[in-house]
Amino acid sequence: MAGSFYPGSPAVLQATVDDLLNGAPEAPKDTADAYIVPHAGYRWSGRTAAHVYRRVVERKPSRVVVLGPAHKVPLRGAAVPTDRQWATPLGPITIDSGGARDLIARGLALADDRPHAPEHSIEVQVPFLQQIPDVRLLPVCIGQSSVEHVEAIVHAVCHTGTIVLCSTDLSHYLSEEQARVRDVATVAAITALSASRIGTHDACGRHALRGLLRWGKTTRRTADILHLATSADEGGPKERVVGYLAASLTV
């Protein structure tokens, strides 16, 4: 994805990430253990994503689990990679292989690199995560999955030192006016932790999002909206926009 979703030059990529993080609001003391973050090119959703990453980087978690939709490869259930590390122009990041094996042992994921190889929804998060010293990444690609399945994954991975990220964009290719109406309704469902109100066309990462919301409801989290925008806010055409959300789930 380097050179398309984010800069391919190490120096330019680092400067871009720095600018985005420095431009995000200073975070208050944050105890959230899960966030919702977008995954478009940095030109479009980087500013929204930075509202999450300003908080996550300051928290310095030892592990981050990213639940990202499978856009390119058909997938049922969840897949974790067999790789020991991934790399961006900023260098390598360690994959939490032990965490991946645990999900496999629990019957919650399969070892399968195929959905990960062409997928951007998790990879675009990595340069932000590389601002956290010694962080381990557990990438979980989510295909068609039940709410209960994804909820079980979140229960399995969410413990001390871990932050869970649900990677999703909101509405796609509506007019700006239509997108804002739909996205506001989706945000209302998220703040209500209502998995059943997330429709097929409300979020590309809907399977992961529904499971995260069910987990949040079960564990009595509170969802807070950090930033809501569309590609039109970043200079894109108003006739065909994509919605972006940054949100947190806090005990």
C-alpha atoms as a PDB file:
ATOM      1  CA  MET A   1       0.000   0.000   0.000  1.00  0.00           C
ATOM      2  CA  ALA A   2       3.080   2.213   0.279  1.00  0.00           C
ATOM      3  CA  GLY A   3       3.017   4.814  -2.455  1.00  0.00           C
ATOM      4  CA  SER A   4      -0.761   4.670  -2.812  1.00  0.00           C
ATOM      5  CA  PHE A   5      -2.584   4.672   0.524  1.00  0.00           C
ATOM      6  CA  TYR A   6       0.361   6.308   2.276  1.00  0.00           C
ATOM      7  CA  PRO A   7       3.738   7.736   1.167  1.00  0.00           C
ATOM      8  CA  GLY A   8       6.391   5.296  -0.022  1.00  0.00           C
ATOM      9  CA  SER A   9       9.319   7.422   1.124  1.00  0.00           C
ATOM     10  CA  PRO A  10      10.344   6.727   4.754  1.00  0.00           C
ATOM     11  CA  ALA A  11      11.061  10.399   5.414  1.00  0.00           C
ATOM     12  CA  VAL A  12       7.841  11.624   3.830  1.00  0.00           C
ATOM     13  CA  LEU A  13       5.797   8.935   5.571  1.00  0.00           C
ATOM     14  CA  GLN A  14       7.245   9.792   8.971  1.00  0.00           C
ATOM     15  CA  ALA A  15       6.658  13.499   8.394  1.00  0.00           C
ATOM     16  CA  THR A  16       3.074  12.790   7.306  1.00  0.00           C
ATOM     17  CA  VAL A  17       2.339  10.710  10.403  1.00  0.00           C
ATOM     18  CA  ASP A  18       3.945  13.351  12.628  1.00  0.00           C
ATOM     19  CA  ASP A  19       1.875  16.113  11.047  1.00  0.00           C
ATOM     20  CA  LEU A  20      -1.353  14.139  11.419  1.00  0.00           C
ATOM     21  CA  LEU A  21      -0.694  13.271  15.057  1.00  0.00           C
ATOM     22  CA  ASN A  22       0.373  16.810  15.928  1.00  0.00           C
ATOM     23  CA  GLY A  23      -2.752  18.160  14.244  1.00  0.00           C
ATOM     24  CA  ALA A  24      -5.101  15.988  16.296  1.00  0.00           C
ATOM     25  CA  PRO A  25      -6.572  17.376  19.518  1.00  0.00           C
ATOM     26  CA  GLU A  26      -4.508  16.756  22.610  1.00  0.00           C
ATOM     27  CA  ALA A  27      -6.024  13.724  24.268  1.00  0.00           C
ATOM     28  CA  PRO A  28      -7.288  13.782  27.832  1.00  0.00           C
ATOM     29  CA  LYS A  29      -6.389  10.851  30.052  1.00  0.00           C
ATOM     30  CA  ASP A  30      -7.909   7.956  28.158  1.00  0.00           C
ATOM     31  CA  THR A  31      -8.895   4.539  29.492  1.00  0.00           C
ATOM     32  CA  ALA A  32     -10.532   3.191  26.338  1.00  0.00           C
ATOM     33  CA  ASP A  33      -9.540  -0.332  25.374  1.00  0.00           C
ATOM     34  CA  ALA A  34     -11.166  -0.337  21.939  1.00  0.00           C
ATOM     35  CA  TYR A  35     -11.496   2.178  19.120  1.00  0.00           C
ATOM     36  CA  ILE A  36     -13.092   2.513  15.706  1.00  0.00           C
ATOM     37  CA  VAL A  37     -10.748   3.908  13.058  1.00  0.00           C
ATOM     38  CA  PRO A  38     -11.010   4.469   9.266  1.00  0.00           C
ATOM     39  CA  HIS A  39      -8.771   2.928   6.622  1.00  0.00           C
ATOM     40  CA  ALA A  40      -8.761   5.060   3.473  1.00  0.00           C
ATOM     41  CA  GLY A  41      -5.682   6.729   2.051  1.00  0.00           C
ATOM     42  CA  TYR A  42      -4.049   9.165   4.448  1.00  0.00           C
ATOM     43  CA  ARG A  43      -5.026  12.013   2.106  1.00  0.00           C
ATOM     44  CA  TRP A  44      -8.658  11.273   2.899  1.00  0.00           C
ATOM     45  CA  SER A  45      -9.004   9.674   6.321  1.00  0.00           C
ATOM     46  CA  GLY A  46      -5.662  10.334   7.988  1.00  0.00           C
ATOM     47  CA  ARG A  47      -6.958  13.340   9.900  1.00  0.00           C
ATOM     48  CA  THR A  48      -9.836  11.318  11.332  1.00  0.00           C
ATOM     49  CA  ALA A  49      -7.596   8.353  12.155  1.00  0.00           C
ATOM     50  CA  ALA A  50      -5.199  10.655  14.005  1.00  0.00           C
ATOM     51  CA  HIS A  51      -7.920  11.430  16.559  1.00  0.00           C
ATOM     52  CA  VAL A  52      -7.595   7.794  17.627  1.00  0.00           C
ATOM     53  CA  TYR A  53      -3.851   7.443  17.226  1.00  0.00           C
ATOM     54  CA  ARG A  54      -3.004  10.547  19.237  1.00  0.00           C
ATOM     55  CA  ARG A  55      -4.579   8.674  22.166  1.00  0.00           C
ATOM     56  CA  VAL A  56      -3.229   5.228  21.350  1.00  0.00           C
ATOM     57  CA  VAL A  57       0.366   6.391  20.877  1.00  0.00           C
ATOM     58  CA  GLU A  58       0.312   8.224  24.195  1.00  0.00           C
ATOM     59  CA  ARG A  59      -1.048   5.093  25.902  1.00  0.00           C
ATOM     60  CA  LYS A  60       1.907   2.967  24.681  1.00  0.00           C
ATOM     61  CA  PRO A  61       0.127  -0.409  24.708  1.00  0.00           C
ATOM     62  CA  SER A  62       2.267  -3.524  24.412  1.00  0.00           C
ATOM     63  CA  ARG A  63      -0.090  -5.033  21.842  1.00  0.00           C
ATOM     64  CA  VAL A  64      -2.659  -3.764  19.356  1.00  0.00           C
ATOM     65  CA  VAL A  65      -5.227  -6.064  17.770  1.00  0.00           C
ATOM     66  CA  VAL A  66      -6.667  -4.775  14.492  1.00  0.00           C
ATOM     67  CA  LEU A  67      -9.908  -6.236  13.158  1.00  0.00           C
ATOM     68  CA  GLY A  68     -10.110  -5.350   9.476  1.00  0.00           C
ATOM     69  CA  PRO A  69     -12.575  -6.369   6.761  1.00  0.00           C
ATOM     70  CA  ALA A  70     -11.505  -8.560   3.863  1.00  0.00           C
ATOM     71  CA  HIS A  71     -12.137  -6.403   0.787  1.00  0.00           C
ATOM     72  CA  LYS A  72     -10.276  -8.458  -1.825  1.00  0.00           C
ATOM     73  CA  VAL A  73     -10.371 -12.161  -0.910  1.00  0.00           C
ATOM     74  CA  PRO A  74     -13.648 -13.943  -0.093  1.00  0.00           C
ATOM     75  CA  LEU A  75     -13.525 -15.056   3.531  1.00  0.00           C
ATOM     76  CA  ARG A  76     -15.864 -16.695   5.985  1.00  0.00           C
ATOM     77  CA  GLY A  77     -14.918 -16.258   9.608  1.00  0.00           C
ATOM     78  CA  ALA A  78     -11.571 -14.768  10.595  1.00  0.00           C
ATOM     79  CA  ALA A  79      -7.992 -15.201   9.390  1.00  0.00           C
ATOM     80  CA  VAL A  80      -4.671 -14.471  11.071  1.00  0.00           C
ATOM     81  CA  PRO A  81      -1.348 -14.373   9.196  1.00  0.00           C
ATOM     82  CA  THR A  82       1.523 -16.816   9.562  1.00  0.00           C
ATOM     83  CA  ASP A  83       4.117 -14.040   9.188  1.00  0.00           C
ATOM     84  CA  ARG A  84       6.388 -13.204  12.115  1.00  0.00           C
ATOM     85  CA  GLN A  85       6.580  -9.572  11.061  1.00  0.00           C
ATOM     86  CA  TRP A  86       5.219  -7.074   8.592  1.00  0.00           C
ATOM     87  CA  ALA A  87       7.056  -4.058   7.198  1.00  0.00           C
ATOM     88  CA  THR A  88       6.356  -0.564   5.925  1.00  0.00           C
ATOM     89  CA  PRO A  89       8.844   2.078   4.746  1.00  0.00           C
ATOM     90  CA  LEU A  90       9.294   2.861   8.469  1.00  0.00           C
ATOM     91  CA  GLY A  91      10.656  -0.636   9.102  1.00  0.00           C
ATOM     92  CA  PRO A  92       9.338  -3.891  10.566  1.00  0.00           C
ATOM     93  CA  ILE A  93       6.599  -4.456  13.131  1.00  0.00           C
ATOM     94  CA  THR A  94       6.395  -7.677  15.137  1.00  0.00           C
ATOM     95  CA  ILE A  95       3.356  -9.900  14.651  1.00  0.00           C
ATOM     96  CA  ASP A  96       1.963 -11.404  17.851  1.00  0.00           C
ATOM     97  CA  SER A  97       2.280 -15.006  16.705  1.00  0.00           C
ATOM     98  CA  GLY A  98       1.336 -16.313  20.139  1.00  0.00           C
ATOM     99  CA  GLY A  99      -1.901 -14.374  20.056  1.00  0.00           C
ATOM    100  CA  ALA A 100      -2.615 -15.702  16.577  1.00  0.00           C
ATOM    101  CA  ARG A 101      -2.038 -19.285  17.745  1.00  0.00           C
ATOM    102  CA  ASP A 102      -4.376 -18.712  20.684  1.00  0.00           C
ATOM    103  CA  LEU A 103      -7.217 -17.606  18.401  1.00  0.00           C
ATOM    104  CA  ILE A 104      -6.602 -20.645  16.199  1.00  0.00           C
ATOM    105  CA  ALA A 105      -6.599 -22.976  19.224  1.00  0.00           C
ATOM    106  CA  ARG A 106      -9.905 -21.492  20.392  1.00  0.00           C
ATOM    107  CA  GLY A 107     -11.433 -22.141  16.980  1.00  0.00           C
ATOM    108  CA  LEU A 108     -11.942 -18.413  16.417  1.00  0.00           C
ATOM    109  CA  ALA A 109      -9.587 -17.928  13.453  1.00  0.00           C
ATOM    110  CA  LEU A 110      -7.745 -19.803  10.738  1.00  0.00           C
ATOM    111  CA  ALA A 111      -4.123 -19.316   9.716  1.00  0.00           C
ATOM    112  CA  ASP A 112      -4.427 -17.892   6.213  1.00  0.00           C
ATOM    113  CA  ASP A 113      -2.205 -15.290   4.584  1.00  0.00           C
ATOM    114  CA  ARG A 114      -4.326 -14.955   1.450  1.00  0.00           C
ATOM    115  CA  PRO A 115      -6.853 -12.414   2.775  1.00  0.00           C
ATOM    116  CA  HIS A 116      -4.062 -10.321   4.289  1.00  0.00           C
ATOM    117  CA  ALA A 117      -1.747 -10.069   1.277  1.00  0.00           C
ATOM    118  CA  PRO A 118      -3.798  -7.583  -0.824  1.00  0.00           C
ATOM    119  CA  GLU A 119      -5.705  -6.023   2.080  1.00  0.00           C
ATOM    120  CA  HIS A 120      -5.340  -2.349   3.020  1.00  0.00           C
ATOM    121  CA  SER A 121      -7.726  -2.104   5.979  1.00  0.00           C
ATOM    122  CA  ILE A 122      -5.132  -3.327   8.473  1.00  0.00           C
ATOM    123  CA  GLU A 123      -1.902  -2.319   6.744  1.00  0.00           C
ATOM    124  CA  VAL A 124      -2.774   1.390   6.673  1.00  0.00           C
ATOM    125  CA  GLN A 125      -2.878   1.340  10.476  1.00  0.00           C
ATOM    126  CA  VAL A 126       0.702   0.096  10.775  1.00  0.00           C
ATOM    127  CA  PRO A 127       2.705   3.335  10.253  1.00  0.00           C
ATOM    128  CA  PHE A 128       0.706   4.934  13.080  1.00  0.00           C
ATOM    129  CA  LEU A 129       1.312   1.913  15.299  1.00  0.00           C
ATOM    130  CA  GLN A 130       5.034   2.078  14.543  1.00  0.00           C
ATOM    131  CA  GLN A 131       5.151   5.247  16.639  1.00  0.00           C
ATOM    132  CA  ILE A 132       4.700   2.993  19.712  1.00  0.00           C
ATOM    133  CA  PRO A 133       7.989   1.470  20.917  1.00  0.00           C
ATOM    134  CA  ASP A 134       8.120  -2.351  20.871  1.00  0.00           C
ATOM    135  CA  VAL A 135       4.420  -2.744  20.105  1.00  0.00           C
ATOM    136  CA  ARG A 136       3.202  -6.109  18.811  1.00  0.00           C
ATOM    137  CA  LEU A 137       0.479  -6.310  16.181  1.00  0.00           C
ATOM    138  CA  LEU A 138      -2.194  -8.996  15.939  1.00  0.00           C
ATOM    139  CA  PRO A 139      -3.913  -8.557  12.544  1.00  0.00           C
ATOM    140  CA  VAL A 140      -7.282 -10.312  12.276  1.00  0.00           C
ATOM    141  CA  CYS A 141      -8.989 -10.214   8.893  1.00  0.00           C
ATOM    142  CA  ILE A 142     -12.750 -10.528   9.281  1.00  0.00           C
ATOM    143  CA  GLY A 143     -14.922 -11.972   6.535  1.00  0.00           C
ATOM    144  CA  GLN A 144     -18.570 -12.928   6.743  1.00  0.00           C
ATOM    145  CA  SER A 145     -18.963 -13.607  10.453  1.00  0.00           C
ATOM    146  CA  SER A 146     -21.712 -13.718  13.031  1.00  0.00           C
ATOM    147  CA  VAL A 147     -21.965 -11.073  15.703  1.00  0.00           C
ATOM    148  CA  GLU A 148     -21.292 -13.773  18.292  1.00  0.00           C
ATOM    149  CA  HIS A 149     -18.121 -14.930  16.535  1.00  0.00           C
ATOM    150  CA  VAL A 150     -16.538 -11.483  16.449  1.00  0.00           C
ATOM    151  CA  GLU A 151     -17.692 -10.753  20.000  1.00  0.00           C
ATOM    152  CA  ALA A 152     -15.881 -13.916  21.110  1.00  0.00           C
ATOM    153  CA  ILE A 153     -12.704 -12.769  19.345  1.00  0.00           C
ATOM    154  CA  VAL A 154     -12.803  -9.421  21.142  1.00  0.00           C
ATOM    155  CA  HIS A 155     -13.418 -11.146  24.484  1.00  0.00           C
ATOM    156  CA  ALA A 156     -10.440 -13.430  23.804  1.00  0.00           C
ATOM    157  CA  VAL A 157      -7.952 -10.679  22.974  1.00  0.00           C
ATOM    158  CA  CYS A 158      -9.008  -7.756  25.148  1.00  0.00           C
ATOM    159  CA  HIS A 159      -6.940  -7.806  28.311  1.00  0.00           C
ATOM    160  CA  THR A 160      -4.377  -5.653  30.122  1.00  0.00           C
ATOM    161  CA  GLY A 161      -1.851  -4.056  27.793  1.00  0.00           C
ATOM    162  CA  THR A 162      -3.947  -4.644  24.667  1.00  0.00           C
ATOM    163  CA  ILE A 163      -5.930  -2.155  22.610  1.00  0.00           C
ATOM    164  CA  VAL A 164      -8.424  -3.373  20.006  1.00  0.00           C
ATOM    165  CA  LEU A 165      -9.009  -1.404  16.815  1.00  0.00           C
ATOM    166  CA  CYS A 166     -11.982  -1.968  14.524  1.00  0.00           C
ATOM    167  CA  SER A 167     -10.989  -0.746  11.068  1.00  0.00           C
ATOM    168  CA  THR A 168     -13.936   0.461   9.016  1.00  0.00           C
ATOM    169  CA  ASP A 169     -15.127   3.285   6.832  1.00  0.00           C
ATOM    170  CA  LEU A 170     -18.777   4.329   6.895  1.00  0.00           C
ATOM    171  CA  SER A 171     -21.091   4.999   3.921  1.00  0.00           C
ATOM    172  CA  HIS A 172     -19.693   4.711   0.404  1.00  0.00           C
ATOM    173  CA  TYR A 173     -20.303   6.726  -2.767  1.00  0.00           C
ATOM    174  CA  LEU A 174     -23.410   8.633  -1.765  1.00  0.00           C
ATOM    175  CA  SER A 175     -23.794  12.370  -2.223  1.00  0.00           C
ATOM    176  CA  GLU A 176     -22.392  14.417   0.636  1.00  0.00           C
ATOM    177  CA  GLU A 177     -25.894  15.209   1.889  1.00  0.00           C
ATOM    178  CA  GLN A 178     -27.033  11.579   1.738  1.00  0.00           C
ATOM    179  CA  ALA A 179     -23.823  10.375   3.362  1.00  0.00           C
ATOM    180  CA  ARG A 180     -24.151  12.709   6.317  1.00  0.00           C
ATOM    181  CA  VAL A 181     -27.706  11.515   6.968  1.00  0.00           C
ATOM    182  CA  ARG A 182     -26.709   7.864   6.810  1.00  0.00           C
ATOM    183  CA  ASP A 183     -23.515   8.336   8.829  1.00  0.00           C
ATOM    184  CA  VAL A 184     -25.321  10.246  11.576  1.00  0.00           C
ATOM    185  CA  ALA A 185     -27.730   7.316  11.860  1.00  0.00           C
ATOM    186  CA  THR A 186     -24.787   4.903  12.024  1.00  0.00           C
ATOM    187  CA  VAL A 187     -23.141   7.005  14.712  1.00  0.00           C
ATOM    188  CA  ALA A 188     -26.370   6.901  16.711  1.00  0.00           C
ATOM    189  CA  ALA A 189     -26.323   3.100  16.486  1.00  0.00           C
ATOM    190  CA  ILE A 190     -22.697   3.041  17.611  1.00  0.00           C
ATOM    191  CA  THR A 191     -23.262   5.288  20.615  1.00  0.00           C
ATOM    192  CA  ALA A 192     -26.226   3.082  21.546  1.00  0.00           C
ATOM    193  CA  LEU A 193     -23.971   0.001  21.133  1.00  0.00           C
ATOM    194  CA  SER A 194     -26.670  -1.445  18.892  1.00  0.00           C
ATOM    195  CA  ALA A 195     -25.161  -4.082  16.612  1.00  0.00           C
ATOM    196  CA  SER A 196     -28.510  -4.818  14.976  1.00  0.00           C
ATOM    197  CA  ARG A 197     -28.794  -1.260  13.655  1.00  0.00           C
ATOM    198  CA  ILE A 198     -25.624  -1.489  11.549  1.00  0.00           C
ATOM    199  CA  GLY A 199     -26.880  -2.200   8.038  1.00  0.00           C
ATOM    200  CA  THR A 200     -25.173  -3.782   5.051  1.00  0.00           C
ATOM    201  CA  HIS A 201     -24.330  -0.441   3.429  1.00  0.00           C
ATOM    202  CA  ASP A 202     -23.549   1.513   6.606  1.00  0.00           C
ATOM    203  CA  ALA A 203     -19.944   0.351   7.061  1.00  0.00           C
ATOM    204  CA  CYS A 204     -17.588  -1.810   4.999  1.00  0.00           C
ATOM    205  CA  GLY A 205     -16.276  -3.325   8.239  1.00  0.00           C
ATOM    206  CA  ARG A 206     -19.782  -4.081   9.444  1.00  0.00           C
ATOM    207  CA  HIS A 207     -19.084  -7.657  10.570  1.00  0.00           C
ATOM    208  CA  ALA A 208     -16.265  -6.584  12.874  1.00  0.00           C
ATOM    209  CA  LEU A 209     -18.163  -3.472  13.941  1.00  0.00           C
ATOM    210  CA  ARG A 210     -21.280  -5.395  14.916  1.00  0.00           C
ATOM    211  CA  GLY A 211     -19.236  -7.814  17.007  1.00  0.00           C
ATOM    212  CA  LEU A 212     -17.354  -4.988  18.696  1.00  0.00           C
ATOM    213  CA  LEU A 213     -20.608  -3.233  19.573  1.00  0.00           C
ATOM    214  CA  ARG A 214     -22.104  -6.428  20.984  1.00  0.00           C
ATOM    215  CA  TRP A 215     -18.974  -6.876  23.119  1.00  0.00           C
ATOM    216  CA  GLY A 216     -19.271  -3.254  24.224  1.00  0.00           C
ATOM    217  CA  LYS A 217     -22.894  -3.780  25.204  1.00  0.00           C
ATOM    218  CA  THR A 218     -22.120  -6.991  27.085  1.00  0.00           C
ATOM    219  CA  THR A 219     -19.210  -5.442  28.985  1.00  0.00           C
ATOM    220  CA  ARG A 220     -20.975  -2.127  29.619  1.00  0.00           C
ATOM    221  CA  ARG A 221     -18.633   0.087  27.633  1.00  0.00           C
ATOM    222  CA  THR A 222     -19.502   3.647  26.666  1.00  0.00           C
ATOM    223  CA  ALA A 223     -18.996   4.701  23.045  1.00  0.00           C
ATOM    224  CA  ASP A 224     -17.758   8.243  22.422  1.00  0.00           C
ATOM    225  CA  ILE A 225     -17.390   9.921  19.039  1.00  0.00           C
ATOM    226  CA  LEU A 226     -14.000  11.577  18.531  1.00  0.00           C
ATOM    227  CA  HIS A 227     -14.371  12.742  14.913  1.00  0.00           C
ATOM    228  CA  LEU A 228     -16.780  12.311  12.003  1.00  0.00           C
ATOM    229  CA  ALA A 229     -15.992  13.419   8.460  1.00  0.00           C
ATOM    230  CA  THR A 230     -16.351  12.581   4.786  1.00  0.00           C
ATOM    231  CA  SER A 231     -13.955  12.647   1.873  1.00  0.00           C
ATOM    232  CA  ALA A 232     -15.680  15.881   0.783  1.00  0.00           C
ATOM    233  CA  ASP A 233     -14.296  17.530   3.919  1.00  0.00           C
ATOM    234  CA  GLU A 234     -10.825  16.737   2.569  1.00  0.00           C
ATOM    235  CA  GLY A 235     -11.480  18.190  -0.875  1.00  0.00           C
ATOM    236  CA  GLY A 236     -13.069  15.214  -2.596  1.00  0.00           C
ATOM    237  CA  PRO A 237     -16.089  15.503  -4.902  1.00  0.00           C
ATOM    238  CA  LYS A 238     -19.349  16.117  -3.072  1.00  0.00           C
ATOM    239  CA  GLU A 239     -21.336  13.900  -5.437  1.00  0.00           C
ATOM    240  CA  ARG A 240     -19.522  10.701  -4.381  1.00  0.00           C
ATOM    241  CA  VAL A 241     -18.155  10.581  -0.842  1.00  0.00           C
ATOM    242  CA  VAL A 242     -16.966   8.097   1.778  1.00  0.00           C
ATOM    243  CA  GLY A 243     -17.628   8.545   5.484  1.00  0.00           C
ATOM    244  CA  TYR A 244     -14.962   8.297   8.186  1.00  0.00           C
ATOM    245  CA  LEU A 245     -15.311   7.876  11.941  1.00  0.00           C
ATOM    246  CA  ALA A 246     -13.020   7.898  14.957  1.00  0.00           C
ATOM    247  CA  ALA A 247     -14.614   6.592  18.151  1.00  0.00           C
ATOM    248  CA  SER A 248     -13.663   5.039  21.480  1.00  0.00           C
ATOM    249  CA  LEU A 249     -15.180   2.394  23.746  1.00  0.00           C
ATOM    250  CA  THR A 250     -14.449   3.018  27.402  1.00  0.00           C
ATOM    251  CA  VAL A 251     -15.233   1.144  30.590  1.00  0.00           C
END
